[in-house]
């Protein structure tokens, strides 16, 4: 699962919601951390330049899979796995994700 941040457009979305084996925040373009935080809210917030806290509740809602019982079960298992590895905050409400910065998000020609 990828939280994709397009700071230039002021837009944040979840991509690859079926991939519950990974979680990252990808920032397209360059921007100060404060601007990235504004674009991420309320879904996530930066913890450092390389990590972010992603809200368990907001991420689930952004994936729009409430009616899919199998997905919900797998999502809960992903959260439980993250907790077992220490990748949640003290409240259990946020998952820690790596932040990947893509300063040149233009597609590459082949």
C-alpha atoms as a PDB file:
ATOM      1  CA  UNK A   1       0.000   0.000   0.000  1.00  0.00           C
ATOM      2  CA  UNK A   2       1.310   3.424  -0.903  1.00  0.00           C
ATOM      3  CA  UNK A   3       0.209   6.784   0.447  1.00  0.00           C
ATOM      4  CA  UNK A   4       1.041   8.943  -2.564  1.00  0.00           C
ATOM      5  CA  UNK A   5       1.554  12.643  -1.907  1.00  0.00           C
ATOM      6  CA  UNK A   6       1.515  15.179  -4.736  1.00  0.00           C
ATOM      7  CA  UNK A   7       2.412  18.355  -2.885  1.00  0.00           C
ATOM      8  CA  UNK A   8       2.279  20.497  -6.039  1.00  0.00           C
ATOM      9  CA  UNK A   9      -1.385  19.586  -6.483  1.00  0.00           C
ATOM     10  CA  UNK A  10      -2.089  19.524  -2.736  1.00  0.00           C
ATOM     11  CA  UNK A  11      -3.356  15.963  -3.090  1.00  0.00           C
ATOM     12  CA  UNK A  12      -2.856  12.734  -1.179  1.00  0.00           C
ATOM     13  CA  UNK A  13      -4.273   9.299  -2.105  1.00  0.00           C
ATOM     14  CA  UNK A  14      -3.864   5.621  -1.317  1.00  0.00           C
ATOM     15  CA  UNK A  15      -2.579   3.429  -4.143  1.00  0.00           C
ATOM     16  CA  UNK A  16      -2.289  -0.357  -4.297  1.00  0.00           C
ATOM     17  CA  UNK A  17      -4.797  -0.858  -1.475  1.00  0.00           C
ATOM     18  CA  UNK A  18      -4.778  -4.613  -2.119  1.00  0.00           C
ATOM     19  CA  UNK A  19      -1.066  -4.839  -1.289  1.00  0.00           C
ATOM     20  CA  UNK A  20      -1.225  -5.331   2.453  1.00  0.00           C
ATOM     21  CA  UNK A  21       2.343  -6.622   2.680  1.00  0.00           C
ATOM     22  CA  UNK A  22       3.969  -3.172   2.524  1.00  0.00           C
ATOM     23  CA  UNK A  23       3.238   0.407   3.512  1.00  0.00           C
ATOM     24  CA  UNK A  24       5.104   3.509   2.436  1.00  0.00           C
ATOM     25  CA  UNK A  25       4.564   7.206   1.893  1.00  0.00           C
ATOM     26  CA  UNK A  26       5.814   8.418  -1.490  1.00  0.00           C
ATOM     27  CA  UNK A  27       6.286  12.165  -1.875  1.00  0.00           C
ATOM     28  CA  UNK A  28       6.246  13.319  -5.496  1.00  0.00           C
ATOM     29  CA  UNK A  29       8.231  16.496  -6.005  1.00  0.00           C
ATOM     30  CA  UNK A  30      10.153  18.617  -3.555  1.00  0.00           C
ATOM     31  CA  UNK A  31       8.618  20.600  -0.713  1.00  0.00           C
ATOM     32  CA  UNK A  32       9.345  21.605   2.875  1.00  0.00           C
ATOM     33  CA  UNK A  33       8.239  19.075   5.491  1.00  0.00           C
ATOM     34  CA  UNK A  34       5.576  21.482   6.767  1.00  0.00           C
ATOM     35  CA  UNK A  35       3.930  21.532   3.336  1.00  0.00           C
ATOM     36  CA  UNK A  36       4.105  17.747   3.079  1.00  0.00           C
ATOM     37  CA  UNK A  37       2.458  17.491   6.506  1.00  0.00           C
ATOM     38  CA  UNK A  38      -0.380  19.794   5.429  1.00  0.00           C
ATOM     39  CA  UNK A  39      -0.971  17.681   2.326  1.00  0.00           C
ATOM     40  CA  UNK A  40      -0.869  14.418   4.282  1.00  0.00           C
ATOM     41  CA  UNK A  41      -3.339  15.506   6.978  1.00  0.00           C
ATOM     42  CA  UNK A  42      -5.436  13.882   8.357  1.00  0.00           C
ATOM     43  CA  UNK A  43      -4.252  10.593   6.816  1.00  0.00           C
ATOM     44  CA  UNK A  44      -0.675  10.831   8.079  1.00  0.00           C
ATOM     45  CA  UNK A  45       1.988  13.089   9.525  1.00  0.00           C
ATOM     46  CA  UNK A  46       5.741  13.126   9.233  1.00  0.00           C
ATOM     47  CA  UNK A  47       7.677  11.675  12.136  1.00  0.00           C
ATOM     48  CA  UNK A  48      11.045  12.488  10.555  1.00  0.00           C
ATOM     49  CA  UNK A  49      12.361  13.094   7.028  1.00  0.00           C
ATOM     50  CA  UNK A  50      12.359   9.307   6.506  1.00  0.00           C
ATOM     51  CA  UNK A  51       9.297   8.101   8.464  1.00  0.00           C
ATOM     52  CA  UNK A  52       5.646   9.021   8.891  1.00  0.00           C
ATOM     53  CA  UNK A  53       2.810   8.027  11.191  1.00  0.00           C
ATOM     54  CA  UNK A  54      -0.191   6.827   9.175  1.00  0.00           C
ATOM     55  CA  UNK A  55      -3.570   6.786  10.901  1.00  0.00           C
ATOM     56  CA  UNK A  56      -5.019   3.259  11.049  1.00  0.00           C
ATOM     57  CA  UNK A  57      -8.573   4.644  10.920  1.00  0.00           C
ATOM     58  CA  UNK A  58      -7.956   7.189   8.150  1.00  0.00           C
ATOM     59  CA  UNK A  59      -6.038   4.671   6.036  1.00  0.00           C
ATOM     60  CA  UNK A  60      -8.863   2.141   6.308  1.00  0.00           C
ATOM     61  CA  UNK A  61     -11.382   4.819   5.291  1.00  0.00           C
ATOM     62  CA  UNK A  62      -9.233   6.049   2.386  1.00  0.00           C
ATOM     63  CA  UNK A  63      -9.134   2.507   0.974  1.00  0.00           C
ATOM     64  CA  UNK A  64     -12.980   2.457   0.851  1.00  0.00           C
ATOM     65  CA  UNK A  65     -13.247  -1.303   1.458  1.00  0.00           C
ATOM     66  CA  UNK A  66     -15.701  -1.364   4.381  1.00  0.00           C
ATOM     67  CA  UNK A  67     -17.972  -3.858   2.569  1.00  0.00           C
ATOM     68  CA  UNK A  68     -15.162  -6.304   1.770  1.00  0.00           C
ATOM     69  CA  UNK A  69     -14.946  -8.670   4.764  1.00  0.00           C
ATOM     70  CA  UNK A  70     -11.857 -10.506   3.466  1.00  0.00           C
ATOM     71  CA  UNK A  71      -9.983  -7.240   2.897  1.00  0.00           C
ATOM     72  CA  UNK A  72     -10.979  -5.939   6.330  1.00  0.00           C
ATOM     73  CA  UNK A  73      -9.706  -9.172   7.926  1.00  0.00           C
ATOM     74  CA  UNK A  74      -6.413  -8.887   6.042  1.00  0.00           C
ATOM     75  CA  UNK A  75      -6.122  -5.192   6.936  1.00  0.00           C
ATOM     76  CA  UNK A  76      -6.586  -6.011  10.630  1.00  0.00           C
ATOM     77  CA  UNK A  77      -3.921  -8.724  10.272  1.00  0.00           C
ATOM     78  CA  UNK A  78      -1.542  -6.171   8.718  1.00  0.00           C
ATOM     79  CA  UNK A  79      -2.096  -3.823  11.656  1.00  0.00           C
ATOM     80  CA  UNK A  80      -1.571  -6.671  14.132  1.00  0.00           C
ATOM     81  CA  UNK A  81       1.662  -7.672  12.351  1.00  0.00           C
ATOM     82  CA  UNK A  82       2.901  -4.078  12.484  1.00  0.00           C
ATOM     83  CA  UNK A  83       2.111  -3.964  16.203  1.00  0.00           C
ATOM     84  CA  UNK A  84       4.045  -7.204  16.775  1.00  0.00           C
ATOM     85  CA  UNK A  85       7.094  -5.585  15.151  1.00  0.00           C
ATOM     86  CA  UNK A  86       6.822  -2.335  17.118  1.00  0.00           C
ATOM     87  CA  UNK A  87       5.749  -0.322  14.073  1.00  0.00           C
ATOM     88  CA  UNK A  88       2.827   1.403  15.818  1.00  0.00           C
ATOM     89  CA  UNK A  89       2.688   4.385  18.139  1.00  0.00           C
ATOM     90  CA  UNK A  90       1.971   4.084  21.862  1.00  0.00           C
ATOM     91  CA  UNK A  91      -1.782   4.346  21.296  1.00  0.00           C
ATOM     92  CA  UNK A  92      -1.920   1.769  18.492  1.00  0.00           C
ATOM     93  CA  UNK A  93      -3.700   4.340  16.331  1.00  0.00           C
ATOM     94  CA  UNK A  94      -0.835   5.006  13.882  1.00  0.00           C
ATOM     95  CA  UNK A  95       1.423   2.818  11.757  1.00  0.00           C
ATOM     96  CA  UNK A  96       5.018   3.808  11.061  1.00  0.00           C
ATOM     97  CA  UNK A  97       5.812   3.963   7.345  1.00  0.00           C
ATOM     98  CA  UNK A  98       8.951   4.757   5.382  1.00  0.00           C
ATOM     99  CA  UNK A  99       8.926   8.011   3.440  1.00  0.00           C
ATOM    100  CA  UNK A 100      10.288   7.812  -0.094  1.00  0.00           C
ATOM    101  CA  UNK A 101      11.006  11.137  -1.740  1.00  0.00           C
ATOM    102  CA  UNK A 102      10.802  11.331  -5.527  1.00  0.00           C
ATOM    103  CA  UNK A 103      12.146  14.782  -6.458  1.00  0.00           C
ATOM    104  CA  UNK A 104      11.491  14.191 -10.174  1.00  0.00           C
ATOM    105  CA  UNK A 105       8.118  12.453 -10.463  1.00  0.00           C
ATOM    106  CA  UNK A 106       7.917  12.786 -14.254  1.00  0.00           C
ATOM    107  CA  UNK A 107       7.615   9.470 -16.078  1.00  0.00           C
ATOM    108  CA  UNK A 108      10.842   8.220 -17.607  1.00  0.00           C
ATOM    109  CA  UNK A 109      10.927   7.622 -21.341  1.00  0.00           C
ATOM    110  CA  UNK A 110      12.234   4.273 -22.517  1.00  0.00           C
END
